[in-house]
Amino acid sequence: IPDDFESKADEVFDPEEMKRLFELGY
């Protein structure tokens, strides 16, 4: 994960945050 990615999670497993990570990886 790039060092400049900023987490915005609201819970341990946050679907919106995970979508952002998925899209970044994609």
mmCIF file of all heavy atoms, coordinates in Angstrom:
data_MODEL
# 
_entry.id   MODEL 
# 
loop_
_atom_site.group_PDB 
_atom_site.id 
_atom_site.type_symbol 
_atom_site.label_atom_id 
_atom_site.label_alt_id 
_atom_site.label_comp_id 
_atom_site.label_asym_id 
_atom_site.label_entity_id 
_atom_site.label_seq_id 
_atom_site.pdbx_PDB_ins_code 
_atom_site.Cartn_x 
_atom_site.Cartn_y 
_atom_site.Cartn_z 
_atom_site.occupancy 
_atom_site.B_iso_or_equiv 
_atom_site.pdbx_formal_charge 
_atom_site.auth_seq_id 
_atom_site.auth_comp_id 
_atom_site.auth_asym_id 
_atom_site.auth_atom_id 
_atom_site.pdbx_PDB_model_num 
ATOM 1   N N   . ILE A 1 1  ? 0.850   -1.187 0.000   1.00 0.00 ? 1  ILE A N   1 
ATOM 2   C CA  . ILE A 1 1  ? 0.000   0.000  0.000   1.00 0.00 ? 1  ILE A CA  1 
ATOM 3   C C   . ILE A 1 1  ? 0.889   1.240  0.000   1.00 0.00 ? 1  ILE A C   1 
ATOM 4   O O   . ILE A 1 1  ? 1.797   1.344  0.836   1.00 0.00 ? 1  ILE A O   1 
ATOM 5   C CB  . ILE A 1 1  ? -0.923  0.006  1.232   1.00 0.00 ? 1  ILE A CB  1 
ATOM 6   C CG1 . ILE A 1 1  ? -1.912  -1.178 1.163   1.00 0.00 ? 1  ILE A CG1 1 
ATOM 7   C CG2 . ILE A 1 1  ? -1.698  1.313  1.324   1.00 0.00 ? 1  ILE A CG2 1 
ATOM 8   C CD1 . ILE A 1 1  ? -2.804  -1.310 2.377   1.00 0.00 ? 1  ILE A CD1 1 
ATOM 9   N N   . PRO A 1 2  ? 0.681   2.155  -0.926  1.00 0.00 ? 2  PRO A N   1 
ATOM 10  C CA  . PRO A 1 2  ? 1.513   3.369  -0.968  1.00 0.00 ? 2  PRO A CA  1 
ATOM 11  C C   . PRO A 1 2  ? 1.484   4.119  0.359   1.00 0.00 ? 2  PRO A C   1 
ATOM 12  O O   . PRO A 1 2  ? 0.443   4.191  1.029   1.00 0.00 ? 2  PRO A O   1 
ATOM 13  C CB  . PRO A 1 2  ? 0.878   4.192  -2.096  1.00 0.00 ? 2  PRO A CB  1 
ATOM 14  C CG  . PRO A 1 2  ? 0.191   3.186  -2.969  1.00 0.00 ? 2  PRO A CG  1 
ATOM 15  C CD  . PRO A 1 2  ? -0.301  2.121  -2.033  1.00 0.00 ? 2  PRO A CD  1 
ATOM 16  N N   . ASP A 1 3  ? 2.620   4.674  0.728   1.00 0.00 ? 3  ASP A N   1 
ATOM 17  C CA  . ASP A 1 3  ? 2.727   5.358  2.011   1.00 0.00 ? 3  ASP A CA  1 
ATOM 18  C C   . ASP A 1 3  ? 1.835   6.584  2.110   1.00 0.00 ? 3  ASP A C   1 
ATOM 19  O O   . ASP A 1 3  ? 1.506   7.028  3.212   1.00 0.00 ? 3  ASP A O   1 
ATOM 20  C CB  . ASP A 1 3  ? 4.184   5.768  2.268   1.00 0.00 ? 3  ASP A CB  1 
ATOM 21  C CG  . ASP A 1 3  ? 5.078   4.563  2.547   1.00 0.00 ? 3  ASP A CG  1 
ATOM 22  O OD1 . ASP A 1 3  ? 4.530   3.489  2.893   1.00 0.00 ? 3  ASP A OD1 1 
ATOM 23  O OD2 . ASP A 1 3  ? 6.309   4.689  2.417   1.00 0.00 ? 3  ASP A OD2 1 
ATOM 24  N N   . ASP A 1 4  ? 1.446   7.146  0.961   1.00 0.00 ? 4  ASP A N   1 
ATOM 25  C CA  . ASP A 1 4  ? 0.618   8.357  1.013   1.00 0.00 ? 4  ASP A CA  1 
ATOM 26  C C   . ASP A 1 4  ? -0.885  8.070  1.077   1.00 0.00 ? 4  ASP A C   1 
ATOM 27  O O   . ASP A 1 4  ? -1.692  8.995  1.085   1.00 0.00 ? 4  ASP A O   1 
ATOM 28  C CB  . ASP A 1 4  ? 0.916   9.272  -0.176  1.00 0.00 ? 4  ASP A CB  1 
ATOM 29  C CG  . ASP A 1 4  ? 0.645   8.609  -1.523  1.00 0.00 ? 4  ASP A CG  1 
ATOM 30  O OD1 . ASP A 1 4  ? 0.208   7.438  -1.545  1.00 0.00 ? 4  ASP A OD1 1 
ATOM 31  O OD2 . ASP A 1 4  ? 0.874   9.262  -2.565  1.00 0.00 ? 4  ASP A OD2 1 
ATOM 32  N N   . PHE A 1 5  ? -1.256  6.775  1.145   1.00 0.00 ? 5  PHE A N   1 
ATOM 33  C CA  . PHE A 1 5  ? -2.677  6.444  1.291   1.00 0.00 ? 5  PHE A CA  1 
ATOM 34  C C   . PHE A 1 5  ? -3.123  6.816  2.703   1.00 0.00 ? 5  PHE A C   1 
ATOM 35  O O   . PHE A 1 5  ? -2.520  6.398  3.691   1.00 0.00 ? 5  PHE A O   1 
ATOM 36  C CB  . PHE A 1 5  ? -2.922  4.957  1.041   1.00 0.00 ? 5  PHE A CB  1 
ATOM 37  C CG  . PHE A 1 5  ? -4.358  4.543  1.237   1.00 0.00 ? 5  PHE A CG  1 
ATOM 38  C CD1 . PHE A 1 5  ? -5.284  4.710  0.220   1.00 0.00 ? 5  PHE A CD1 1 
ATOM 39  C CD2 . PHE A 1 5  ? -4.788  3.994  2.444   1.00 0.00 ? 5  PHE A CD2 1 
ATOM 40  C CE1 . PHE A 1 5  ? -6.608  4.338  0.394   1.00 0.00 ? 5  PHE A CE1 1 
ATOM 41  C CE2 . PHE A 1 5  ? -6.108  3.617  2.628   1.00 0.00 ? 5  PHE A CE2 1 
ATOM 42  C CZ  . PHE A 1 5  ? -7.019  3.792  1.592   1.00 0.00 ? 5  PHE A CZ  1 
ATOM 43  N N   . GLU A 1 6  ? -4.204  7.566  2.810   1.00 0.00 ? 6  GLU A N   1 
ATOM 44  C CA  . GLU A 1 6  ? -4.696  8.011  4.113   1.00 0.00 ? 6  GLU A CA  1 
ATOM 45  C C   . GLU A 1 6  ? -5.943  7.230  4.507   1.00 0.00 ? 6  GLU A C   1 
ATOM 46  O O   . GLU A 1 6  ? -6.935  7.220  3.791   1.00 0.00 ? 6  GLU A O   1 
ATOM 47  C CB  . GLU A 1 6  ? -5.024  9.506  4.073   1.00 0.00 ? 6  GLU A CB  1 
ATOM 48  C CG  . GLU A 1 6  ? -5.444  10.063 5.423   1.00 0.00 ? 6  GLU A CG  1 
ATOM 49  C CD  . GLU A 1 6  ? -5.698  11.557 5.389   1.00 0.00 ? 6  GLU A CD  1 
ATOM 50  O OE1 . GLU A 1 6  ? -5.418  12.187 4.350   1.00 0.00 ? 6  GLU A OE1 1 
ATOM 51  O OE2 . GLU A 1 6  ? -6.180  12.086 6.409   1.00 0.00 ? 6  GLU A OE2 1 
ATOM 52  N N   . SER A 1 7  ? -5.871  6.575  5.649   1.00 0.00 ? 7  SER A N   1 
ATOM 53  C CA  . SER A 1 7  ? -7.009  5.793  6.127   1.00 0.00 ? 7  SER A CA  1 
ATOM 54  C C   . SER A 1 7  ? -8.125  6.699  6.628   1.00 0.00 ? 7  SER A C   1 
ATOM 55  O O   . SER A 1 7  ? -7.879  7.694  7.307   1.00 0.00 ? 7  SER A O   1 
ATOM 56  C CB  . SER A 1 7  ? -6.563  4.865  7.257   1.00 0.00 ? 7  SER A CB  1 
ATOM 57  O OG  . SER A 1 7  ? -7.663  4.182  7.812   1.00 0.00 ? 7  SER A OG  1 
ATOM 58  N N   . LYS A 1 8  ? -9.366  6.326  6.299   1.00 0.00 ? 8  LYS A N   1 
ATOM 59  C CA  . LYS A 1 8  ? -10.542 7.051  6.761   1.00 0.00 ? 8  LYS A CA  1 
ATOM 60  C C   . LYS A 1 8  ? -11.578 6.096  7.351   1.00 0.00 ? 8  LYS A C   1 
ATOM 61  O O   . LYS A 1 8  ? -12.773 6.385  7.366   1.00 0.00 ? 8  LYS A O   1 
ATOM 62  C CB  . LYS A 1 8  ? -11.162 7.844  5.604   1.00 0.00 ? 8  LYS A CB  1 
ATOM 63  C CG  . LYS A 1 8  ? -10.232 8.880  4.990   1.00 0.00 ? 8  LYS A CG  1 
ATOM 64  C CD  . LYS A 1 8  ? -10.877 9.574  3.800   1.00 0.00 ? 8  LYS A CD  1 
ATOM 65  C CE  . LYS A 1 8  ? -9.932  10.590 3.169   1.00 0.00 ? 8  LYS A CE  1 
ATOM 66  N NZ  . LYS A 1 8  ? -10.535 11.237 1.968   1.00 0.00 ? 8  LYS A NZ  1 
ATOM 67  N N   . ALA A 1 9  ? -11.112 4.959  7.851   1.00 0.00 ? 9  ALA A N   1 
ATOM 68  C CA  . ALA A 1 9  ? -12.020 3.920  8.331   1.00 0.00 ? 9  ALA A CA  1 
ATOM 69  C C   . ALA A 1 9  ? -12.784 4.360  9.571   1.00 0.00 ? 9  ALA A C   1 
ATOM 70  O O   . ALA A 1 9  ? -12.254 5.070  10.427  1.00 0.00 ? 9  ALA A O   1 
ATOM 71  C CB  . ALA A 1 9  ? -11.243 2.648  8.629   1.00 0.00 ? 9  ALA A CB  1 
ATOM 72  N N   . ASP A 1 10 ? -14.030 3.900  9.666   1.00 0.00 ? 10 ASP A N   1 
ATOM 73  C CA  . ASP A 1 10 ? -14.869 4.189  10.825  1.00 0.00 ? 10 ASP A CA  1 
ATOM 74  C C   . ASP A 1 10 ? -15.076 2.967  11.721  1.00 0.00 ? 10 ASP A C   1 
ATOM 75  O O   . ASP A 1 10 ? -15.731 3.061  12.747  1.00 0.00 ? 10 ASP A O   1 
ATOM 76  C CB  . ASP A 1 10 ? -16.243 4.702  10.372  1.00 0.00 ? 10 ASP A CB  1 
ATOM 77  C CG  . ASP A 1 10 ? -16.177 6.128  9.851   1.00 0.00 ? 10 ASP A CG  1 
ATOM 78  O OD1 . ASP A 1 10 ? -15.278 6.873  10.288  1.00 0.00 ? 10 ASP A OD1 1 
ATOM 79  O OD2 . ASP A 1 10 ? -17.014 6.490  9.010   1.00 0.00 ? 10 ASP A OD2 1 
ATOM 80  N N   . GLU A 1 11 ? -14.540 1.818  11.310  1.00 0.00 ? 11 GLU A N   1 
ATOM 81  C CA  . GLU A 1 11 ? -14.644 0.609  12.121  1.00 0.00 ? 11 GLU A CA  1 
ATOM 82  C C   . GLU A 1 11 ? -13.542 -0.351 11.702  1.00 0.00 ? 11 GLU A C   1 
ATOM 83  O O   . GLU A 1 11 ? -12.786 -0.077 10.764  1.00 0.00 ? 11 GLU A O   1 
ATOM 84  C CB  . GLU A 1 11 ? -16.030 -0.036 11.969  1.00 0.00 ? 11 GLU A CB  1 
ATOM 85  C CG  . GLU A 1 11 ? -16.405 -0.393 10.534  1.00 0.00 ? 11 GLU A CG  1 
ATOM 86  C CD  . GLU A 1 11 ? -17.746 -1.115 10.443  1.00 0.00 ? 11 GLU A CD  1 
ATOM 87  O OE1 . GLU A 1 11 ? -17.906 -2.123 11.159  1.00 0.00 ? 11 GLU A OE1 1 
ATOM 88  O OE2 . GLU A 1 11 ? -18.610 -0.674 9.660   1.00 0.00 ? 11 GLU A OE2 1 
ATOM 89  N N   . VAL A 1 12 ? -13.433 -1.472 12.413  1.00 0.00 ? 12 VAL A N   1 
ATOM 90  C CA  . VAL A 1 12 ? -12.356 -2.423 12.148  1.00 0.00 ? 12 VAL A CA  1 
ATOM 91  C C   . VAL A 1 12 ? -12.381 -2.866 10.690  1.00 0.00 ? 12 VAL A C   1 
ATOM 92  O O   . VAL A 1 12 ? -11.377 -2.812 9.990   1.00 0.00 ? 12 VAL A O   1 
ATOM 93  C CB  . VAL A 1 12 ? -12.469 -3.656 13.073  1.00 0.00 ? 12 VAL A CB  1 
ATOM 94  C CG1 . VAL A 1 12 ? -11.319 -4.619 12.822  1.00 0.00 ? 12 VAL A CG1 1 
ATOM 95  C CG2 . VAL A 1 12 ? -12.492 -3.230 14.526  1.00 0.00 ? 12 VAL A CG2 1 
ATOM 96  N N   . PHE A 1 13 ? -13.529 -3.320 10.222  1.00 0.00 ? 13 PHE A N   1 
ATOM 97  C CA  . PHE A 1 13 ? -13.724 -3.678 8.821   1.00 0.00 ? 13 PHE A CA  1 
ATOM 98  C C   . PHE A 1 13 ? -14.794 -2.752 8.252   1.00 0.00 ? 13 PHE A C   1 
ATOM 99  O O   . PHE A 1 13 ? -15.988 -2.975 8.437   1.00 0.00 ? 13 PHE A O   1 
ATOM 100 C CB  . PHE A 1 13 ? -14.119 -5.155 8.682   1.00 0.00 ? 13 PHE A CB  1 
ATOM 101 C CG  . PHE A 1 13 ? -12.995 -6.107 8.968   1.00 0.00 ? 13 PHE A CG  1 
ATOM 102 C CD1 . PHE A 1 13 ? -12.698 -6.472 10.276  1.00 0.00 ? 13 PHE A CD1 1 
ATOM 103 C CD2 . PHE A 1 13 ? -12.215 -6.618 7.947   1.00 0.00 ? 13 PHE A CD2 1 
ATOM 104 C CE1 . PHE A 1 13 ? -11.654 -7.335 10.556  1.00 0.00 ? 13 PHE A CE1 1 
ATOM 105 C CE2 . PHE A 1 13 ? -11.160 -7.483 8.215   1.00 0.00 ? 13 PHE A CE2 1 
ATOM 106 C CZ  . PHE A 1 13 ? -10.874 -7.841 9.519   1.00 0.00 ? 13 PHE A CZ  1 
ATOM 107 N N   . ASP A 1 14 ? -14.332 -1.712 7.586   1.00 0.00 ? 14 ASP A N   1 
ATOM 108 C CA  . ASP A 1 14 ? -15.199 -0.664 7.054   1.00 0.00 ? 14 ASP A CA  1 
ATOM 109 C C   . ASP A 1 14 ? -15.330 -0.868 5.545   1.00 0.00 ? 14 ASP A C   1 
ATOM 110 O O   . ASP A 1 14 ? -14.350 -0.701 4.811   1.00 0.00 ? 14 ASP A O   1 
ATOM 111 C CB  . ASP A 1 14 ? -14.582 0.699  7.360   1.00 0.00 ? 14 ASP A CB  1 
ATOM 112 C CG  . ASP A 1 14 ? -15.452 1.866  6.899   1.00 0.00 ? 14 ASP A CG  1 
ATOM 113 O OD1 . ASP A 1 14 ? -16.270 1.675  5.985   1.00 0.00 ? 14 ASP A OD1 1 
ATOM 114 O OD2 . ASP A 1 14 ? -15.302 2.961  7.458   1.00 0.00 ? 14 ASP A OD2 1 
ATOM 115 N N   . PRO A 1 15 ? -16.523 -1.228 5.041   1.00 0.00 ? 15 PRO A N   1 
ATOM 116 C CA  . PRO A 1 15 ? -16.681 -1.506 3.605   1.00 0.00 ? 15 PRO A CA  1 
ATOM 117 C C   . PRO A 1 15 ? -16.271 -0.345 2.704   1.00 0.00 ? 15 PRO A C   1 
ATOM 118 O O   . PRO A 1 15 ? -15.700 -0.574 1.630   1.00 0.00 ? 15 PRO A O   1 
ATOM 119 C CB  . PRO A 1 15 ? -18.176 -1.804 3.464   1.00 0.00 ? 15 PRO A CB  1 
ATOM 120 C CG  . PRO A 1 15 ? -18.643 -2.171 4.813   1.00 0.00 ? 15 PRO A CG  1 
ATOM 121 C CD  . PRO A 1 15 ? -17.781 -1.429 5.773   1.00 0.00 ? 15 PRO A CD  1 
ATOM 122 N N   . GLU A 1 16 ? -16.534 0.880  3.129   1.00 0.00 ? 16 GLU A N   1 
ATOM 123 C CA  . GLU A 1 16 ? -16.171 2.024  2.297   1.00 0.00 ? 16 GLU A CA  1 
ATOM 124 C C   . GLU A 1 16 ? -14.656 2.174  2.205   1.00 0.00 ? 16 GLU A C   1 
ATOM 125 O O   . GLU A 1 16 ? -14.103 2.441  1.134   1.00 0.00 ? 16 GLU A O   1 
ATOM 126 C CB  . GLU A 1 16 ? -16.805 3.307  2.853   1.00 0.00 ? 16 GLU A CB  1 
ATOM 127 C CG  . GLU A 1 16 ? -18.321 3.330  2.777   1.00 0.00 ? 16 GLU A CG  1 
ATOM 128 C CD  . GLU A 1 16 ? -18.827 3.087  1.359   1.00 0.00 ? 16 GLU A CD  1 
ATOM 129 O OE1 . GLU A 1 16 ? -18.275 3.695  0.411   1.00 0.00 ? 16 GLU A OE1 1 
ATOM 130 O OE2 . GLU A 1 16 ? -19.754 2.265  1.192   1.00 0.00 ? 16 GLU A OE2 1 
ATOM 131 N N   . GLU A 1 17 ? -13.989 2.000  3.334   1.00 0.00 ? 17 GLU A N   1 
ATOM 132 C CA  . GLU A 1 17 ? -12.528 2.040  3.332   1.00 0.00 ? 17 GLU A CA  1 
ATOM 133 C C   . GLU A 1 17 ? -11.955 0.898  2.505   1.00 0.00 ? 17 GLU A C   1 
ATOM 134 O O   . GLU A 1 17 ? -10.999 1.081  1.733   1.00 0.00 ? 17 GLU A O   1 
ATOM 135 C CB  . GLU A 1 17 ? -12.010 1.943  4.771   1.00 0.00 ? 17 GLU A CB  1 
ATOM 136 C CG  . GLU A 1 17 ? -10.501 1.860  4.900   1.00 0.00 ? 17 GLU A CG  1 
ATOM 137 C CD  . GLU A 1 17 ? -9.828  3.216  4.797   1.00 0.00 ? 17 GLU A CD  1 
ATOM 138 O OE1 . GLU A 1 17 ? -10.497 4.183  4.385   1.00 0.00 ? 17 GLU A OE1 1 
ATOM 139 O OE2 . GLU A 1 17 ? -8.632  3.308  5.122   1.00 0.00 ? 17 GLU A OE2 1 
ATOM 140 N N   . MET A 1 18 ? -12.542 -0.279 2.622   1.00 0.00 ? 18 MET A N   1 
ATOM 141 C CA  . MET A 1 18 ? -12.054 -1.437 1.879   1.00 0.00 ? 18 MET A CA  1 
ATOM 142 C C   . MET A 1 18 ? -12.281 -1.267 0.372   1.00 0.00 ? 18 MET A C   1 
ATOM 143 O O   . MET A 1 18 ? -11.462 -1.704 -0.442  1.00 0.00 ? 18 MET A O   1 
ATOM 144 C CB  . MET A 1 18 ? -12.713 -2.703 2.412   1.00 0.00 ? 18 MET A CB  1 
ATOM 145 C CG  . MET A 1 18 ? -12.269 -3.030 3.846   1.00 0.00 ? 18 MET A CG  1 
ATOM 146 S SD  . MET A 1 18 ? -13.302 -4.255 4.683   1.00 0.00 ? 18 MET A SD  1 
ATOM 147 C CE  . MET A 1 18 ? -12.805 -5.756 3.840   1.00 0.00 ? 18 MET A CE  1 
ATOM 148 N N   . LYS A 1 19 ? -13.369 -0.599 0.000   1.00 0.00 ? 19 LYS A N   1 
ATOM 149 C CA  . LYS A 1 19 ? -13.591 -0.296 -1.420  1.00 0.00 ? 19 LYS A CA  1 
ATOM 150 C C   . LYS A 1 19 ? -12.501 0.636  -1.945  1.00 0.00 ? 19 LYS A C   1 
ATOM 151 O O   . LYS A 1 19 ? -12.018 0.476  -3.076  1.00 0.00 ? 19 LYS A O   1 
ATOM 152 C CB  . LYS A 1 19 ? -14.971 0.330  -1.616  1.00 0.00 ? 19 LYS A CB  1 
ATOM 153 C CG  . LYS A 1 19 ? -16.129 -0.649 -1.490  1.00 0.00 ? 19 LYS A CG  1 
ATOM 154 C CD  . LYS A 1 19 ? -17.476 0.072  -1.573  1.00 0.00 ? 19 LYS A CD  1 
ATOM 155 C CE  . LYS A 1 19 ? -18.630 -0.889 -1.321  1.00 0.00 ? 19 LYS A CE  1 
ATOM 156 N NZ  . LYS A 1 19 ? -19.932 -0.191 -1.282  1.00 0.00 ? 19 LYS A NZ  1 
ATOM 157 N N   . ARG A 1 20 ? -12.119 1.625  -1.134  1.00 0.00 ? 20 ARG A N   1 
ATOM 158 C CA  . ARG A 1 20 ? -11.045 2.538  -1.539  1.00 0.00 ? 20 ARG A CA  1 
ATOM 159 C C   . ARG A 1 20 ? -9.737  1.783  -1.739  1.00 0.00 ? 20 ARG A C   1 
ATOM 160 O O   . ARG A 1 20 ? -9.008  2.014  -2.714  1.00 0.00 ? 20 ARG A O   1 
ATOM 161 C CB  . ARG A 1 20 ? -10.847 3.630  -0.485  1.00 0.00 ? 20 ARG A CB  1 
ATOM 162 C CG  . ARG A 1 20 ? -11.991 4.625  -0.374  1.00 0.00 ? 20 ARG A CG  1 
ATOM 163 C CD  . ARG A 1 20 ? -11.703 5.660  0.725   1.00 0.00 ? 20 ARG A CD  1 
ATOM 164 N NE  . ARG A 1 20 ? -10.518 6.435  0.415   1.00 0.00 ? 20 ARG A NE  1 
ATOM 165 C CZ  . ARG A 1 20 ? -9.505  6.637  1.253   1.00 0.00 ? 20 ARG A CZ  1 
ATOM 166 N NH1 . ARG A 1 20 ? -9.530  6.092  2.467   1.00 0.00 ? 20 ARG A NH1 1 
ATOM 167 N NH2 . ARG A 1 20 ? -8.471  7.365  0.891   1.00 0.00 ? 20 ARG A NH2 1 
ATOM 168 N N   . LEU A 1 21 ? -9.442  0.871  -0.823  1.00 0.00 ? 21 LEU A N   1 
ATOM 169 C CA  . LEU A 1 21 ? -8.229  0.069  -0.942  1.00 0.00 ? 21 LEU A CA  1 
ATOM 170 C C   . LEU A 1 21 ? -8.299  -0.861 -2.145  1.00 0.00 ? 21 LEU A C   1 
ATOM 171 O O   . LEU A 1 21 ? -7.310  -1.050 -2.861  1.00 0.00 ? 21 LEU A O   1 
ATOM 172 C CB  . LEU A 1 21 ? -8.007  -0.740 0.340   1.00 0.00 ? 21 LEU A CB  1 
ATOM 173 C CG  . LEU A 1 21 ? -7.417  0.021  1.523   1.00 0.00 ? 21 LEU A CG  1 
ATOM 174 C CD1 . LEU A 1 21 ? -7.578  -0.778 2.808   1.00 0.00 ? 21 LEU A CD1 1 
ATOM 175 C CD2 . LEU A 1 21 ? -5.943  0.333  1.271   1.00 0.00 ? 21 LEU A CD2 1 
ATOM 176 N N   . PHE A 1 22 ? -9.469  -1.466 -2.360  1.00 0.00 ? 22 PHE A N   1 
ATOM 177 C CA  . PHE A 1 22 ? -9.644  -2.348 -3.505  1.00 0.00 ? 22 PHE A CA  1 
ATOM 178 C C   . PHE A 1 22 ? -9.425  -1.578 -4.806  1.00 0.00 ? 22 PHE A C   1 
ATOM 179 O O   . PHE A 1 22 ? -8.712  -2.046 -5.704  1.00 0.00 ? 22 PHE A O   1 
ATOM 180 C CB  . PHE A 1 22 ? -11.044 -2.972 -3.490  1.00 0.00 ? 22 PHE A CB  1 
ATOM 181 C CG  . PHE A 1 22 ? -11.305 -3.905 -4.648  1.00 0.00 ? 22 PHE A CG  1 
ATOM 182 C CD1 . PHE A 1 22 ? -11.027 -5.257 -4.533  1.00 0.00 ? 22 PHE A CD1 1 
ATOM 183 C CD2 . PHE A 1 22 ? -11.814 -3.425 -5.844  1.00 0.00 ? 22 PHE A CD2 1 
ATOM 184 C CE1 . PHE A 1 22 ? -11.252 -6.120 -5.608  1.00 0.00 ? 22 PHE A CE1 1 
ATOM 185 C CE2 . PHE A 1 22 ? -12.052 -4.278 -6.923  1.00 0.00 ? 22 PHE A CE2 1 
ATOM 186 C CZ  . PHE A 1 22 ? -11.768 -5.629 -6.796  1.00 0.00 ? 22 PHE A CZ  1 
ATOM 187 N N   . GLU A 1 23 ? -10.031 -0.415 -4.907  1.00 0.00 ? 23 GLU A N   1 
ATOM 188 C CA  . GLU A 1 23 ? -9.903  0.392  -6.130  1.00 0.00 ? 23 GLU A CA  1 
ATOM 189 C C   . GLU A 1 23 ? -8.458  0.835  -6.360  1.00 0.00 ? 23 GLU A C   1 
ATOM 190 O O   . GLU A 1 23 ? -7.982  0.873  -7.497  1.00 0.00 ? 23 GLU A O   1 
ATOM 191 C CB  . GLU A 1 23 ? -10.836 1.591  -6.046  1.00 0.00 ? 23 GLU A CB  1 
ATOM 192 C CG  . GLU A 1 23 ? -12.317 1.206  -6.157  1.00 0.00 ? 23 GLU A CG  1 
ATOM 193 C CD  . GLU A 1 23 ? -13.255 2.318  -5.733  1.00 0.00 ? 23 GLU A CD  1 
ATOM 194 O OE1 . GLU A 1 23 ? -12.744 3.404  -5.362  1.00 0.00 ? 23 GLU A OE1 1 
ATOM 195 O OE2 . GLU A 1 23 ? -14.484 2.102  -5.772  1.00 0.00 ? 23 GLU A OE2 1 
ATOM 196 N N   . LEU A 1 24 ? -7.756  1.156  -5.265  1.00 0.00 ? 24 LEU A N   1 
ATOM 197 C CA  . LEU A 1 24 ? -6.342  1.512  -5.377  1.00 0.00 ? 24 LEU A CA  1 
ATOM 198 C C   . LEU A 1 24 ? -5.542  0.328  -5.904  1.00 0.00 ? 24 LEU A C   1 
ATOM 199 O O   . LEU A 1 24 ? -4.733  0.467  -6.836  1.00 0.00 ? 24 LEU A O   1 
ATOM 200 C CB  . LEU A 1 24 ? -5.813  1.957  -4.021  1.00 0.00 ? 24 LEU A CB  1 
ATOM 201 C CG  . LEU A 1 24 ? -4.307  2.225  -3.919  1.00 0.00 ? 24 LEU A CG  1 
ATOM 202 C CD1 . LEU A 1 24 ? -3.894  3.351  -4.850  1.00 0.00 ? 24 LEU A CD1 1 
ATOM 203 C CD2 . LEU A 1 24 ? -3.919  2.538  -2.476  1.00 0.00 ? 24 LEU A CD2 1 
ATOM 204 N N   . GLY A 1 25 ? -5.759  -0.849 -5.299  1.00 0.00 ? 25 GLY A N   1 
ATOM 205 C CA  . GLY A 1 25 ? -5.062  -2.046 -5.755  1.00 0.00 ? 25 GLY A CA  1 
ATOM 206 C C   . GLY A 1 25 ? -5.396  -2.382 -7.196  1.00 0.00 ? 25 GLY A C   1 
ATOM 207 O O   . GLY A 1 25 ? -4.524  -2.769 -7.986  1.00 0.00 ? 25 GLY A O   1 
ATOM 208 N N   . TYR A 1 26 ? -6.683  -2.219 -7.550  1.00 0.00 ? 26 TYR A N   1 
ATOM 209 C CA  . TYR A 1 26 ? -7.123  -2.517 -8.919  1.00 0.00 ? 26 TYR A CA  1 
ATOM 210 C C   . TYR A 1 26 ? -6.389  -1.628 -9.928  1.00 0.00 ? 26 TYR A C   1 
ATOM 211 O O   . TYR A 1 26 ? -5.907  -2.107 -10.961 1.00 0.00 ? 26 TYR A O   1 
ATOM 212 C CB  . TYR A 1 26 ? -8.627  -2.316 -9.038  1.00 0.00 ? 26 TYR A CB  1 
ATOM 213 C CG  . TYR A 1 26 ? -9.198  -2.729 -10.377 1.00 0.00 ? 26 TYR A CG  1 
ATOM 214 C CD1 . TYR A 1 26 ? -9.703  -4.017 -10.570 1.00 0.00 ? 26 TYR A CD1 1 
ATOM 215 C CD2 . TYR A 1 26 ? -9.231  -1.845 -11.451 1.00 0.00 ? 26 TYR A CD2 1 
ATOM 216 C CE1 . TYR A 1 26 ? -10.218 -4.405 -11.794 1.00 0.00 ? 26 TYR A CE1 1 
ATOM 217 C CE2 . TYR A 1 26 ? -9.736  -2.216 -12.674 1.00 0.00 ? 26 TYR A CE2 1 
ATOM 218 C CZ  . TYR A 1 26 ? -10.233 -3.503 -12.845 1.00 0.00 ? 26 TYR A CZ  1 
ATOM 219 O OH  . TYR A 1 26 ? -10.732 -3.881 -14.066 1.00 0.00 ? 26 TYR A OH  1 
# 
